[in-house]
Amino acid sequence: MVGVDGSHHSLQAVDWAVGAAARHGVPLRLVHASLWERYEGVAPAADPRRPWELVRDEEIAASAAERACRCGPDVKISAEVLPEDPVAALLSAGQDASGLVVGCRGRGELAALLLGSVSLAVAARATCPVTVVRGGEPNRRGAF
């Protein structure tokens, strides 16, 4: 399972997770969780029946899934949006996972200061192995 938030770092985590899933012959679940409207405000929706935040969150998950499919065409990919706190959502969704992959930094340093580091909180509290992906191309390929 990999947590995605649309940031460059989470996309690196997607790349790494796709490689790991391909090597182990397992499916990959992408999870995007967000309650950002609390902090960023609510923007007007183009379609009043579909909140802007939901559309944005679905686009983040779909974009990450498309990238994963391009990187690992033989890996079964699923993606979902959870309207929850990211840490709680990843911990809950990861309970049955063989591993959880996150990027080293999400939406930026200010958000991490205000809200805390999702990757740090997940790594500290998860019940499964956690991989925090950082760095360049060799790390995304899974090289040690």
N, C-alpha and C. Protein backbone atom coordinates (compact mmCIF):
# COMPACT_ATOMS: atom_id res chain seq x y z
N MET A 1 0.85 -1.17 0.00
CA MET A 1 0.00 0.00 0.00
C MET A 1 0.89 1.23 0.00
N VAL A 2 0.48 2.25 -0.72
CA VAL A 2 1.25 3.49 -0.77
C VAL A 2 0.32 4.68 -0.55
N GLY A 3 0.75 5.61 0.29
CA GLY A 3 0.01 6.84 0.53
C GLY A 3 0.41 7.88 -0.50
N VAL A 4 -0.57 8.54 -1.10
CA VAL A 4 -0.28 9.55 -2.12
C VAL A 4 -0.97 10.87 -1.76
N ASP A 5 -0.29 11.96 -2.06
CA ASP A 5 -0.89 13.28 -1.83
C ASP A 5 -0.67 14.23 -3.00
N GLY A 6 -0.13 13.71 -4.10
CA GLY A 6 0.10 14.53 -5.28
C GLY A 6 1.44 15.23 -5.30
N SER A 7 2.19 15.18 -4.21
CA SER A 7 3.49 15.84 -4.16
C SER A 7 4.53 15.02 -4.92
N HIS A 8 5.64 15.68 -5.25
CA HIS A 8 6.76 15.01 -5.92
C HIS A 8 7.24 13.82 -5.08
N HIS A 9 7.33 14.02 -3.78
CA HIS A 9 7.81 12.96 -2.90
C HIS A 9 6.86 11.76 -2.88
N SER A 10 5.57 12.01 -2.91
CA SER A 10 4.64 10.87 -2.90
C SER A 10 4.68 10.13 -4.24
N LEU A 11 4.96 10.85 -5.33
CA LEU A 11 5.08 10.18 -6.63
C LEU A 11 6.34 9.33 -6.68
N GLN A 12 7.41 9.76 -6.00
CA GLN A 12 8.59 8.91 -5.87
C GLN A 12 8.24 7.64 -5.10
N ALA A 13 7.41 7.79 -4.08
CA ALA A 13 6.98 6.63 -3.30
C ALA A 13 6.15 5.68 -4.17
N VAL A 14 5.31 6.23 -5.04
CA VAL A 14 4.53 5.40 -5.96
C VAL A 14 5.47 4.60 -6.85
N ASP A 15 6.48 5.26 -7.43
CA ASP A 15 7.43 4.57 -8.30
C ASP A 15 8.11 3.42 -7.56
N TRP A 16 8.56 3.69 -6.35
CA TRP A 16 9.25 2.67 -5.56
C TRP A 16 8.29 1.52 -5.25
N ALA A 17 7.08 1.85 -4.84
CA ALA A 17 6.10 0.82 -4.47
C ALA A 17 5.70 -0.05 -5.66
N VAL A 18 5.60 0.55 -6.84
CA VAL A 18 5.28 -0.24 -8.04
C VAL A 18 6.39 -1.24 -8.30
N GLY A 19 7.63 -0.80 -8.19
CA GLY A 19 8.76 -1.71 -8.38
C GLY A 19 8.74 -2.85 -7.38
N ALA A 20 8.47 -2.53 -6.12
CA ALA A 20 8.42 -3.56 -5.08
C ALA A 20 7.27 -4.52 -5.33
N ALA A 21 6.11 -4.00 -5.71
CA ALA A 21 4.95 -4.86 -5.99
C ALA A 21 5.24 -5.79 -7.17
N ALA A 22 5.90 -5.26 -8.20
CA ALA A 22 6.25 -6.08 -9.36
C ALA A 22 7.23 -7.19 -8.97
N ARG A 23 8.23 -6.85 -8.17
CA ARG A 23 9.22 -7.85 -7.75
C ARG A 23 8.60 -8.95 -6.90
N HIS A 24 7.60 -8.60 -6.10
CA HIS A 24 6.98 -9.58 -5.20
C HIS A 24 5.71 -10.20 -5.77
N GLY A 25 5.27 -9.73 -6.93
CA GLY A 25 4.08 -10.28 -7.56
C GLY A 25 2.80 -10.05 -6.78
N VAL A 26 2.69 -8.86 -6.19
CA VAL A 26 1.51 -8.53 -5.39
C VAL A 26 0.81 -7.30 -5.96
N PRO A 27 -0.49 -7.14 -5.71
CA PRO A 27 -1.19 -5.93 -6.15
C PRO A 27 -0.75 -4.74 -5.31
N LEU A 28 -1.03 -3.55 -5.81
CA LEU A 28 -0.67 -2.32 -5.11
C LEU A 28 -1.91 -1.46 -4.92
N ARG A 29 -2.13 -1.05 -3.70
CA ARG A 29 -3.26 -0.19 -3.34
C ARG A 29 -2.73 1.21 -3.06
N LEU A 30 -3.27 2.20 -3.76
CA LEU A 30 -2.92 3.59 -3.55
C LEU A 30 -4.02 4.24 -2.74
N VAL A 31 -3.63 4.98 -1.70
CA VAL A 31 -4.61 5.62 -0.83
C VAL A 31 -4.28 7.10 -0.73
N HIS A 32 -5.28 7.93 -1.02
CA HIS A 32 -5.17 9.38 -0.80
C HIS A 32 -6.19 9.74 0.26
N ALA A 33 -5.71 10.34 1.33
CA ALA A 33 -6.60 10.77 2.42
C ALA A 33 -6.39 12.25 2.66
N SER A 34 -7.49 12.97 2.87
CA SER A 34 -7.35 14.41 3.01
C SER A 34 -8.51 15.02 3.77
N LEU A 35 -8.15 15.92 4.65
CA LEU A 35 -9.11 16.82 5.28
C LEU A 35 -8.60 18.25 5.10
N TRP A 36 -7.95 18.51 3.98
CA TRP A 36 -7.29 19.80 3.76
C TRP A 36 -8.23 20.98 3.72
N GLU A 37 -9.49 20.76 3.41
CA GLU A 37 -10.41 21.90 3.38
C GLU A 37 -10.46 22.60 4.73
N ARG A 38 -10.12 21.89 5.78
CA ARG A 38 -10.07 22.53 7.10
C ARG A 38 -9.03 23.64 7.15
N TYR A 39 -7.93 23.44 6.41
CA TYR A 39 -6.79 24.34 6.52
C TYR A 39 -6.67 25.29 5.33
N GLU A 40 -7.15 24.86 4.15
CA GLU A 40 -6.99 25.67 2.96
C GLU A 40 -8.25 26.42 2.57
N GLY A 41 -9.34 26.17 3.23
CA GLY A 41 -10.59 26.82 2.88
C GLY A 41 -11.32 26.05 1.80
N VAL A 42 -12.53 26.42 1.58
CA VAL A 42 -13.36 25.74 0.59
C VAL A 42 -13.45 26.62 -0.64
N ALA A 43 -13.09 26.05 -1.78
CA ALA A 43 -13.17 26.78 -3.04
C ALA A 43 -14.51 26.48 -3.69
N PRO A 44 -15.02 27.42 -4.49
CA PRO A 44 -16.30 27.16 -5.16
C PRO A 44 -16.17 26.00 -6.14
N ALA A 45 -17.17 25.17 -6.19
CA ALA A 45 -17.16 24.01 -7.06
C ALA A 45 -17.76 24.35 -8.41
N ALA A 46 -17.19 23.76 -9.48
CA ALA A 46 -17.77 23.93 -10.81
C ALA A 46 -19.13 23.24 -10.88
N ASP A 47 -19.25 22.14 -10.18
CA ASP A 47 -20.50 21.39 -10.09
C ASP A 47 -20.91 21.37 -8.62
N PRO A 48 -21.97 22.08 -8.24
CA PRO A 48 -22.33 22.17 -6.83
C PRO A 48 -22.66 20.82 -6.18
N ARG A 49 -22.92 19.80 -6.99
CA ARG A 49 -23.20 18.48 -6.42
C ARG A 49 -21.92 17.74 -6.05
N ARG A 50 -20.80 18.23 -6.56
CA ARG A 50 -19.50 17.59 -6.29
C ARG A 50 -18.55 18.65 -5.73
N PRO A 51 -18.26 18.60 -4.47
CA PRO A 51 -17.37 19.59 -3.87
C PRO A 51 -16.01 19.62 -4.57
N TRP A 52 -15.46 20.81 -4.67
CA TRP A 52 -14.17 21.01 -5.32
C TRP A 52 -13.10 20.12 -4.69
N GLU A 53 -13.11 19.98 -3.39
CA GLU A 53 -12.09 19.19 -2.71
C GLU A 53 -12.16 17.72 -3.12
N LEU A 54 -13.37 17.19 -3.28
CA LEU A 54 -13.53 15.80 -3.69
C LEU A 54 -13.01 15.61 -5.11
N VAL A 55 -13.31 16.54 -6.00
CA VAL A 55 -12.81 16.47 -7.38
C VAL A 55 -11.29 16.47 -7.37
N ARG A 56 -10.70 17.38 -6.60
CA ARG A 56 -9.23 17.47 -6.51
C ARG A 56 -8.65 16.17 -5.97
N ASP A 57 -9.24 15.65 -4.90
CA ASP A 57 -8.73 14.42 -4.29
C ASP A 57 -8.82 13.24 -5.26
N GLU A 58 -9.93 13.15 -6.00
CA GLU A 58 -10.07 12.08 -6.99
C GLU A 58 -9.04 12.21 -8.10
N GLU A 59 -8.73 13.45 -8.50
CA GLU A 59 -7.71 13.68 -9.53
C GLU A 59 -6.33 13.26 -9.04
N ILE A 60 -6.03 13.54 -7.77
CA ILE A 60 -4.74 13.14 -7.20
C ILE A 60 -4.61 11.62 -7.23
N ALA A 61 -5.64 10.92 -6.77
CA ALA A 61 -5.61 9.45 -6.75
C ALA A 61 -5.54 8.88 -8.17
N ALA A 62 -6.32 9.43 -9.08
CA ALA A 62 -6.33 8.92 -10.46
C ALA A 62 -5.00 9.16 -11.15
N SER A 63 -4.41 10.33 -10.94
CA SER A 63 -3.12 10.64 -11.54
C SER A 63 -2.03 9.70 -11.02
N ALA A 64 -2.03 9.44 -9.73
CA ALA A 64 -1.05 8.51 -9.15
C ALA A 64 -1.27 7.10 -9.70
N ALA A 65 -2.52 6.70 -9.87
CA ALA A 65 -2.83 5.37 -10.40
C ALA A 65 -2.37 5.25 -11.86
N GLU A 66 -2.57 6.30 -12.65
CA GLU A 66 -2.10 6.30 -14.04
C GLU A 66 -0.59 6.15 -14.09
N ARG A 67 0.10 6.88 -13.24
CA ARG A 67 1.56 6.79 -13.18
C ARG A 67 1.98 5.37 -12.80
N ALA A 68 1.32 4.80 -11.80
CA ALA A 68 1.65 3.45 -11.36
C ALA A 68 1.43 2.44 -12.48
N CYS A 69 0.36 2.59 -13.23
CA CYS A 69 0.07 1.68 -14.35
C CYS A 69 1.13 1.79 -15.44
N ARG A 70 1.61 3.01 -15.70
CA ARG A 70 2.67 3.20 -16.70
C ARG A 70 3.98 2.56 -16.22
N CYS A 71 4.28 2.72 -14.93
CA CYS A 71 5.54 2.19 -14.38
C CYS A 71 5.51 0.67 -14.24
N GLY A 72 4.36 0.12 -13.95
CA GLY A 72 4.25 -1.32 -13.74
C GLY A 72 3.01 -1.88 -14.40
N PRO A 73 3.04 -2.02 -15.73
CA PRO A 73 1.83 -2.45 -16.43
C PRO A 73 1.32 -3.83 -16.01
N ASP A 74 2.18 -4.65 -15.42
CA ASP A 74 1.75 -5.98 -15.00
C ASP A 74 1.26 -6.03 -13.55
N VAL A 75 1.35 -4.90 -12.85
CA VAL A 75 0.93 -4.84 -11.45
C VAL A 75 -0.54 -4.43 -11.39
N LYS A 76 -1.32 -5.16 -10.62
CA LYS A 76 -2.73 -4.79 -10.43
C LYS A 76 -2.77 -3.60 -9.48
N ILE A 77 -3.32 -2.49 -9.96
CA ILE A 77 -3.35 -1.22 -9.22
C ILE A 77 -4.79 -0.89 -8.84
N SER A 78 -4.98 -0.48 -7.59
CA SER A 78 -6.26 0.09 -7.18
C SER A 78 -5.97 1.40 -6.46
N ALA A 79 -6.92 2.32 -6.54
CA ALA A 79 -6.74 3.63 -5.89
C ALA A 79 -8.05 4.03 -5.24
N GLU A 80 -7.91 4.68 -4.09
CA GLU A 80 -9.11 5.16 -3.41
C GLU A 80 -8.84 6.46 -2.68
N VAL A 81 -9.91 7.19 -2.46
CA VAL A 81 -9.86 8.45 -1.71
C VAL A 81 -10.59 8.22 -0.40
N LEU A 82 -9.94 8.56 0.70
CA LEU A 82 -10.55 8.44 2.02
C LEU A 82 -10.67 9.83 2.63
N PRO A 83 -11.88 10.28 2.94
CA PRO A 83 -12.06 11.62 3.52
C PRO A 83 -11.78 11.60 5.03
N GLU A 84 -10.52 11.33 5.36
CA GLU A 84 -10.12 11.20 6.76
C GLU A 84 -8.78 11.90 6.95
N ASP A 85 -8.40 12.02 8.20
CA ASP A 85 -7.06 12.49 8.52
C ASP A 85 -6.06 11.53 7.88
N PRO A 86 -5.04 12.03 7.18
CA PRO A 86 -4.11 11.14 6.48
C PRO A 86 -3.44 10.09 7.37
N VAL A 87 -2.97 10.48 8.53
CA VAL A 87 -2.30 9.51 9.40
C VAL A 87 -3.26 8.41 9.82
N ALA A 88 -4.43 8.78 10.31
CA ALA A 88 -5.41 7.79 10.74
C ALA A 88 -5.83 6.89 9.58
N ALA A 89 -6.04 7.48 8.41
CA ALA A 89 -6.47 6.70 7.25
C ALA A 89 -5.41 5.70 6.83
N LEU A 90 -4.15 6.13 6.76
CA LEU A 90 -3.09 5.23 6.34
C LEU A 90 -2.86 4.12 7.37
N LEU A 91 -2.92 4.47 8.64
CA LEU A 91 -2.76 3.44 9.67
C LEU A 91 -3.88 2.41 9.61
N SER A 92 -5.10 2.87 9.43
CA SER A 92 -6.24 1.96 9.35
C SER A 92 -6.18 1.11 8.09
N ALA A 93 -5.96 1.75 6.95
CA ALA A 93 -5.91 1.03 5.68
C ALA A 93 -4.72 0.08 5.62
N GLY A 94 -3.66 0.40 6.33
CA GLY A 94 -2.46 -0.42 6.30
C GLY A 94 -2.45 -1.59 7.26
N GLN A 95 -3.49 -1.75 8.05
CA GLN A 95 -3.51 -2.83 9.03
C GLN A 95 -3.38 -4.21 8.40
N ASP A 96 -3.95 -4.39 7.22
CA ASP A 96 -3.88 -5.68 6.55
C ASP A 96 -2.85 -5.71 5.43
N ALA A 97 -2.06 -4.65 5.30
CA ALA A 97 -1.07 -4.57 4.23
C ALA A 97 0.20 -5.30 4.62
N SER A 98 0.91 -5.81 3.62
CA SER A 98 2.20 -6.44 3.90
C SER A 98 3.28 -5.37 4.11
N GLY A 99 2.99 -4.15 3.67
CA GLY A 99 3.91 -3.04 3.87
C GLY A 99 3.23 -1.75 3.47
N LEU A 100 3.75 -0.65 3.99
CA LEU A 100 3.18 0.67 3.72
C LEU A 100 4.31 1.57 3.23
N VAL A 101 4.09 2.26 2.13
CA VAL A 101 5.11 3.12 1.53
C VAL A 101 4.61 4.55 1.52
N VAL A 102 5.47 5.47 1.96
CA VAL A 102 5.14 6.90 1.96
C VAL A 102 6.35 7.68 1.47
N GLY A 103 6.09 8.88 0.99
CA GLY A 103 7.18 9.78 0.62
C GLY A 103 7.73 10.45 1.86
N CYS A 104 8.92 11.03 1.73
CA CYS A 104 9.56 11.63 2.90
C CYS A 104 8.95 12.96 3.28
N ARG A 105 8.30 13.62 2.36
CA ARG A 105 7.69 14.91 2.66
C ARG A 105 6.52 15.10 1.71
N GLY A 106 5.45 15.65 2.23
CA GLY A 106 4.26 15.83 1.41
C GLY A 106 4.13 17.24 0.90
N ARG A 107 3.15 17.95 1.40
CA ARG A 107 2.79 19.25 0.85
C ARG A 107 3.72 20.38 1.24
N GLY A 108 4.72 20.13 2.02
CA GLY A 108 5.69 21.18 2.30
C GLY A 108 6.05 21.31 3.76
N GLU A 109 7.09 22.08 4.00
CA GLU A 109 7.61 22.24 5.35
C GLU A 109 6.64 22.97 6.27
N LEU A 110 5.96 23.99 5.78
CA LEU A 110 5.02 24.73 6.62
C LEU A 110 3.88 23.82 7.09
N ALA A 111 3.33 23.06 6.16
CA ALA A 111 2.26 22.14 6.54
C ALA A 111 2.75 21.11 7.56
N ALA A 112 3.98 20.63 7.37
CA ALA A 112 4.53 19.66 8.33
C ALA A 112 4.67 20.30 9.71
N LEU A 113 5.07 21.56 9.74
CA LEU A 113 5.18 22.24 11.03
C LEU A 113 3.82 22.42 11.69
N LEU A 114 2.83 22.78 10.89
CA LEU A 114 1.49 23.02 11.44
C LEU A 114 0.77 21.72 11.78
N LEU A 115 0.90 20.73 10.93
CA LEU A 115 0.09 19.52 11.05
C LEU A 115 0.87 18.30 11.52
N GLY A 116 2.18 18.37 11.46
CA GLY A 116 3.00 17.21 11.78
C GLY A 116 3.34 16.43 10.53
N SER A 117 4.36 15.63 10.61
CA SER A 117 4.82 14.83 9.48
C SER A 117 4.01 13.55 9.39
N VAL A 118 3.33 13.37 8.28
CA VAL A 118 2.54 12.15 8.07
C VAL A 118 3.47 10.94 8.04
N SER A 119 4.58 11.04 7.30
CA SER A 119 5.48 9.89 7.19
C SER A 119 6.06 9.50 8.54
N LEU A 120 6.43 10.48 9.35
CA LEU A 120 6.97 10.18 10.68
C LEU A 120 5.92 9.52 11.58
N ALA A 121 4.72 10.07 11.58
CA ALA A 121 3.65 9.51 12.41
C ALA A 121 3.28 8.10 11.97
N VAL A 122 3.22 7.87 10.66
CA VAL A 122 2.88 6.54 10.16
C VAL A 122 3.99 5.55 10.51
N ALA A 123 5.24 5.96 10.30
CA ALA A 123 6.36 5.06 10.60
C ALA A 123 6.40 4.70 12.08
N ALA A 124 6.05 5.64 12.93
CA ALA A 124 6.10 5.41 14.37
C ALA A 124 4.97 4.52 14.88
N ARG A 125 3.83 4.52 14.18
CA ARG A 125 2.64 3.85 14.73
C ARG A 125 2.11 2.68 13.92
N ALA A 126 2.63 2.44 12.73
CA ALA A 126 2.09 1.38 11.88
C ALA A 126 2.38 0.00 12.46
N THR A 127 1.49 -0.94 12.16
CA THR A 127 1.67 -2.32 12.61
C THR A 127 2.34 -3.18 11.55
N CYS A 128 2.61 -2.61 10.38
CA CYS A 128 3.30 -3.33 9.31
C CYS A 128 4.61 -2.60 9.00
N PRO A 129 5.50 -3.22 8.24
CA PRO A 129 6.72 -2.52 7.85
C PRO A 129 6.40 -1.27 7.04
N VAL A 130 7.16 -0.20 7.28
CA VAL A 130 6.96 1.07 6.58
C VAL A 130 8.25 1.43 5.85
N THR A 131 8.11 1.83 4.59
CA THR A 131 9.23 2.33 3.81
C THR A 131 8.98 3.80 3.54
N VAL A 132 9.92 4.65 3.95
CA VAL A 132 9.85 6.08 3.66
C VAL A 132 10.83 6.32 2.52
N VAL A 133 10.30 6.70 1.36
CA VAL A 133 11.11 6.86 0.16
C VAL A 133 11.62 8.29 0.07
N ARG A 134 12.92 8.41 -0.13
CA ARG A 134 13.53 9.71 -0.34
C ARG A 134 14.67 9.53 -1.31
N GLY A 135 15.06 10.60 -1.95
CA GLY A 135 16.22 10.52 -2.82
C GLY A 135 15.87 10.37 -4.28
N GLY A 136 16.87 9.96 -5.04
CA GLY A 136 16.76 9.96 -6.49
C GLY A 136 16.46 8.62 -7.10
N GLU A 137 16.82 8.50 -8.36
CA GLU A 137 16.49 7.34 -9.19
C GLU A 137 16.90 6.00 -8.58
N PRO A 138 18.12 5.85 -8.04
CA PRO A 138 18.46 4.53 -7.49
C PRO A 138 17.49 4.09 -6.38
N ASN A 139 17.02 5.02 -5.60
CA ASN A 139 16.09 4.68 -4.53
C ASN A 139 14.74 4.25 -5.09
N ARG A 140 14.30 4.88 -6.15
CA ARG A 140 13.02 4.51 -6.75
C ARG A 140 13.09 3.12 -7.38
N ARG A 141 14.28 2.72 -7.83
CA ARG A 141 14.42 1.39 -8.42
C ARG A 141 14.51 0.31 -7.35
N GLY A 142 14.62 0.70 -6.09
CA GLY A 142 14.69 -0.28 -5.02
C GLY A 142 16.10 -0.74 -4.72
N ALA A 143 17.11 -0.03 -5.23
CA ALA A 143 18.50 -0.40 -4.97
C ALA A 143 18.89 -0.03 -3.55
N PHE A 144 19.75 -0.83 -2.97
CA PHE A 144 20.24 -0.54 -1.62
C PHE A 144 21.68 -0.08 -1.70
